[in-house]
Amino acid sequence: MRHRTLRRVAGGYLLVAPLHAVAFVVTGWAAVDGRIDLGLLAVVLQASRELIDLGQTGNEEYQIDLGSGSLSALAELEARSSAVAHAAPTGSCSAAGMPQRAIRFEGVTFAYPGTTTPVFDRLDLEVPARSSLAVVGANGAGKTTLVKLLARLYEPSAGRITVDGVDVRDLDLGSWRPGCPSSSRTSCATSSPLATTWAWGGGCGCTTRTASGPPSSGRGAAS
């Protein structure tokens, strides 16, 4: 669609441009020879300018077609997302109110398909409920992967992840994933603070631990 619109716009300019060039040359020579006065010359030039503006409506058509083209891509993305969501096996345990005690990664190993180096190799990690954990590291260290494993967007090749002692694979995804808000570097940028962005995903307030003082009320941030 985009290329078709570009061809129409370009074709319109190629058709109008030679006509304008001829009109300007003929009118200019006529003015130099004295066959037309300055008033008529001004009228002709103004009329030509208006025709140029009229021809530029193709730019608006191009912008509309370009924007409309994203609708089909959005529909395809939604269809694929829905297919993935339905394809993922889900448990029957409700995750409402979880976690109450802790989230644990128990001997979790994970490597991306087609790679031999694991992102996590027998990872053990415990995150107490109502606390904050900042995961800091270089690009590719596995920070985002950790969250995606927790939300079951990826499955570990070994080990398990538990919430209050329940394997996340036994949890109902419809009640678990809404409580796993995240802010990925590939997400749409907003002017809101990270804490507000996370709040859109739901969940309750938590306690933030700082290195210089006692726990304080608020929402933590993970990098």
Protein backbone atom coordinates (compact mmCIF):
# COMPACT_ATOMS: atom_id res chain seq x y z
CA MET A 1 0.00 0.00 0.00
CA ARG A 2 2.79 2.38 0.89
CA HIS A 3 4.60 1.85 -2.42
CA ARG A 4 1.34 2.20 -4.37
CA THR A 5 0.64 5.55 -2.72
CA LEU A 6 4.19 6.73 -3.39
CA ARG A 7 3.79 5.86 -7.06
CA ARG A 8 0.55 7.85 -7.27
CA VAL A 9 2.07 10.86 -5.54
CA ALA A 10 5.23 10.72 -7.66
CA GLY A 11 3.18 10.31 -10.83
CA GLY A 12 1.13 13.37 -9.98
CA TYR A 13 4.24 15.49 -9.44
CA LEU A 14 5.84 14.23 -12.66
CA LEU A 15 2.70 15.17 -14.58
CA VAL A 16 2.30 18.62 -13.05
CA ALA A 17 5.96 19.68 -12.89
CA PRO A 18 6.56 19.92 -16.69
CA LEU A 19 3.34 21.89 -17.16
CA HIS A 20 4.40 24.37 -14.50
CA ALA A 21 7.85 24.68 -16.03
CA VAL A 22 6.38 25.47 -19.46
CA ALA A 23 3.93 27.96 -17.96
CA PHE A 24 6.68 29.76 -16.04
CA VAL A 25 9.01 29.93 -19.06
CA VAL A 26 6.35 31.15 -21.50
CA THR A 27 4.96 33.68 -19.02
CA GLY A 28 8.45 34.88 -18.14
CA TRP A 29 9.43 35.48 -21.76
CA ALA A 30 6.14 37.24 -22.42
CA ALA A 31 6.78 39.55 -19.48
CA VAL A 32 10.33 40.27 -20.69
CA ASP A 33 9.08 41.05 -24.21
CA GLY A 34 6.41 43.33 -22.82
CA ARG A 35 3.50 41.32 -24.20
CA ILE A 36 1.93 41.07 -20.71
CA ASP A 37 2.03 43.52 -17.86
CA LEU A 38 3.12 42.83 -14.28
CA GLY A 39 -0.47 42.45 -13.09
CA LEU A 40 -1.18 39.58 -15.46
CA LEU A 41 2.18 38.02 -14.63
CA ALA A 42 1.29 38.09 -10.93
CA VAL A 43 -2.08 36.46 -11.62
CA VAL A 44 -0.49 33.67 -13.67
CA LEU A 45 2.19 32.99 -11.07
CA GLN A 46 -0.37 32.97 -8.26
CA ALA A 47 -2.60 30.56 -10.19
CA SER A 48 0.38 28.27 -10.77
CA ARG A 49 1.21 28.38 -7.09
CA GLU A 50 -2.34 27.38 -6.20
CA LEU A 51 -2.13 24.43 -8.60
CA ILE A 52 1.06 23.30 -6.88
CA ASP A 53 -0.70 23.42 -3.51
CA LEU A 54 -3.60 21.47 -4.96
CA GLY A 55 -1.22 18.81 -6.24
CA GLN A 56 0.25 18.38 -2.77
CA THR A 57 -2.93 16.76 -1.48
CA GLY A 58 -1.18 13.52 -2.42
CA ASN A 59 0.98 13.95 0.66
CA GLU A 60 -2.10 13.77 2.91
CA GLU A 61 -3.25 10.69 1.00
CA TYR A 62 0.15 9.13 1.56
CA GLN A 63 0.00 9.82 5.30
CA ILE A 64 -3.52 8.36 5.56
CA ASP A 65 -2.56 5.23 3.61
CA LEU A 66 0.59 4.82 5.67
CA GLY A 67 -1.37 5.07 8.91
CA SER A 68 -4.08 2.72 7.65
CA GLY A 69 -1.42 0.17 6.77
CA SER A 70 -0.50 -0.17 10.43
CA LEU A 71 -4.03 -1.35 11.25
CA SER A 72 -3.53 -4.64 9.42
CA ALA A 73 -0.17 -5.11 11.17
CA LEU A 74 -1.86 -4.43 14.53
CA ALA A 75 -4.62 -6.94 13.76
CA GLU A 76 -2.00 -9.55 12.83
CA LEU A 77 -0.08 -8.87 16.05
CA GLU A 78 -3.23 -9.24 18.14
CA ALA A 79 -4.08 -12.50 16.36
CA ARG A 80 -0.60 -13.89 16.98
CA SER A 81 -0.62 -12.76 20.62
CA SER A 82 -3.98 -14.42 21.15
CA ALA A 83 -2.73 -17.62 19.52
CA VAL A 84 0.35 -17.69 21.76
CA ALA A 85 -1.74 -17.01 24.86
CA HIS A 86 -4.10 -19.88 24.04
CA ALA A 87 -1.24 -22.19 23.10
CA ALA A 88 0.54 -21.80 26.45
CA PRO A 89 -0.58 -24.55 28.85
CA THR A 90 -2.20 -23.07 31.91
CA GLY A 91 -2.89 -24.44 35.35
CA SER A 92 -6.09 -24.28 37.32
CA CYS A 93 -4.87 -22.66 40.54
CA SER A 94 -5.95 -19.05 40.99
CA ALA A 95 -3.12 -16.57 41.57
CA ALA A 96 -5.37 -14.00 43.20
CA GLY A 97 -3.58 -12.33 46.10
CA MET A 98 -0.25 -14.01 45.35
CA PRO A 99 2.47 -13.81 46.46
CA GLN A 100 1.89 -13.85 50.18
CA ARG A 101 5.21 -15.39 51.21
CA ALA A 102 7.82 -15.48 48.44
CA ILE A 103 8.69 -16.11 44.80
CA ARG A 104 11.48 -18.64 44.33
CA PHE A 105 13.64 -19.66 41.39
CA GLU A 106 14.82 -23.18 42.19
CA GLY A 107 17.71 -24.46 40.07
CA VAL A 108 16.38 -22.64 36.99
CA THR A 109 18.31 -23.18 33.76
CA PHE A 110 17.37 -21.41 30.54
CA ALA A 111 18.95 -20.90 27.12
CA TYR A 112 17.41 -19.25 24.08
CA PRO A 113 16.57 -21.57 21.16
CA GLY A 114 19.50 -22.03 18.81
CA THR A 115 22.09 -21.08 21.45
CA THR A 116 24.35 -23.27 23.55
CA THR A 117 25.27 -20.81 26.29
CA PRO A 118 22.58 -20.67 29.01
CA VAL A 119 21.35 -17.33 30.25
CA PHE A 120 20.75 -18.95 33.64
CA ASP A 121 22.48 -22.08 34.88
CA ARG A 122 20.88 -23.61 37.99
CA LEU A 123 19.75 -20.21 39.26
CA ASP A 124 18.54 -20.07 42.86
CA LEU A 125 16.79 -16.89 43.91
CA GLU A 126 14.20 -15.97 46.53
CA VAL A 127 12.21 -12.74 46.53
CA PRO A 128 10.12 -12.25 49.68
CA ALA A 129 6.60 -10.92 49.23
CA ARG A 130 6.03 -7.18 49.65
CA SER A 131 9.70 -6.41 48.99
CA SER A 132 11.64 -4.92 46.10
CA LEU A 133 14.52 -6.40 44.17
CA ALA A 134 16.72 -4.40 41.79
CA VAL A 135 18.29 -6.61 39.12
CA VAL A 136 21.22 -4.74 37.59
CA GLY A 137 23.52 -5.88 34.80
CA ALA A 138 24.84 -5.31 31.32
CA ASN A 139 22.75 -5.80 28.20
CA GLY A 140 22.12 -9.49 27.65
CA ALA A 141 22.74 -10.42 31.28
CA GLY A 142 19.20 -11.81 31.57
CA LYS A 143 17.33 -9.08 33.43
CA THR A 144 14.32 -9.07 31.10
CA THR A 145 14.52 -12.84 30.68
CA LEU A 146 14.08 -13.21 34.44
CA VAL A 147 10.76 -11.35 34.31
CA LYS A 148 9.61 -13.23 31.21
CA LEU A 149 10.31 -16.54 32.89
CA LEU A 150 8.30 -15.38 35.87
CA ALA A 151 5.37 -14.46 33.59
CA ARG A 152 5.76 -17.77 31.72
CA LEU A 153 6.49 -16.08 28.42
CA TYR A 154 9.46 -18.46 28.43
CA GLU A 155 9.75 -21.90 30.02
CA PRO A 156 12.91 -23.00 31.87
CA SER A 157 14.68 -26.04 30.50
CA ALA A 158 15.38 -27.21 34.04
CA GLY A 159 14.31 -26.28 37.54
CA ARG A 160 11.12 -24.55 38.51
CA ILE A 161 9.66 -21.24 39.67
CA THR A 162 7.29 -21.25 42.62
CA VAL A 163 4.95 -18.70 44.12
CA ASP A 164 4.11 -19.37 47.75
CA GLY A 165 5.31 -22.93 47.11
CA VAL A 166 3.08 -23.42 44.03
CA ASP A 167 4.75 -24.08 40.68
CA VAL A 168 3.91 -21.24 38.29
CA ARG A 169 2.97 -23.89 35.71
CA ASP A 170 0.08 -24.84 37.98
CA LEU A 171 -1.22 -21.26 38.13
CA ASP A 172 -3.98 -19.93 35.93
CA LEU A 173 -2.25 -17.56 33.49
CA GLY A 174 -5.29 -15.30 33.30
CA SER A 175 -4.99 -14.47 36.99
CA TRP A 176 -1.17 -14.62 37.24
CA ARG A 177 0.11 -12.51 34.33
CA PRO A 178 -1.83 -9.32 35.18
CA GLY A 179 0.14 -9.26 38.42
CA CYS A 180 3.47 -9.36 36.58
CA PRO A 181 3.79 -5.82 35.19
CA SER A 182 7.04 -4.96 33.45
CA SER A 183 8.62 -2.09 31.56
CA SER A 184 10.74 -3.42 28.71
CA ARG A 185 13.22 -1.35 26.76
CA THR A 186 11.21 -2.20 23.64
CA SER A 187 7.95 -0.84 25.07
CA CYS A 188 6.32 2.41 24.09
CA ALA A 189 8.04 5.33 25.81
CA THR A 190 5.87 7.47 28.08
CA SER A 191 6.49 10.52 30.22
CA SER A 192 5.32 8.71 33.36
CA PRO A 193 7.74 7.60 36.10
CA LEU A 194 8.66 3.91 36.17
CA ALA A 195 6.66 3.41 39.38
CA THR A 196 3.52 4.72 37.64
CA THR A 197 4.15 2.50 34.62
CA TRP A 198 4.38 -0.54 36.87
CA ALA A 199 1.25 0.51 38.74
CA TRP A 200 -0.76 0.18 35.50
CA GLY A 201 -0.13 -3.57 35.74
CA GLY A 202 -1.87 -3.86 39.08
CA GLY A 203 -0.54 -5.35 42.28
CA CYS A 204 -0.26 -3.93 45.77
CA GLY A 205 2.23 -1.56 47.33
CA CYS A 206 5.56 -2.95 48.43
CA THR A 207 8.45 -2.03 50.64
CA THR A 208 11.58 -0.53 49.13
CA ARG A 209 14.90 -1.32 50.79
CA THR A 210 17.60 1.29 50.50
CA ALA A 211 21.30 1.01 51.29
CA SER A 212 21.31 4.13 53.46
CA GLY A 213 18.28 3.63 55.65
CA PRO A 214 15.39 1.46 56.78
CA PRO A 215 12.65 0.18 54.46
CA SER A 216 10.45 2.89 53.02
CA SER A 217 6.99 2.74 51.52
CA GLY A 218 6.77 2.86 47.73
CA ARG A 219 7.40 0.86 44.61
CA GLY A 220 10.81 -0.44 43.65
CA ALA A 221 12.50 -0.33 40.27
CA ALA A 222 14.35 -3.03 38.42
CA SER A 223 16.94 -2.26 35.79
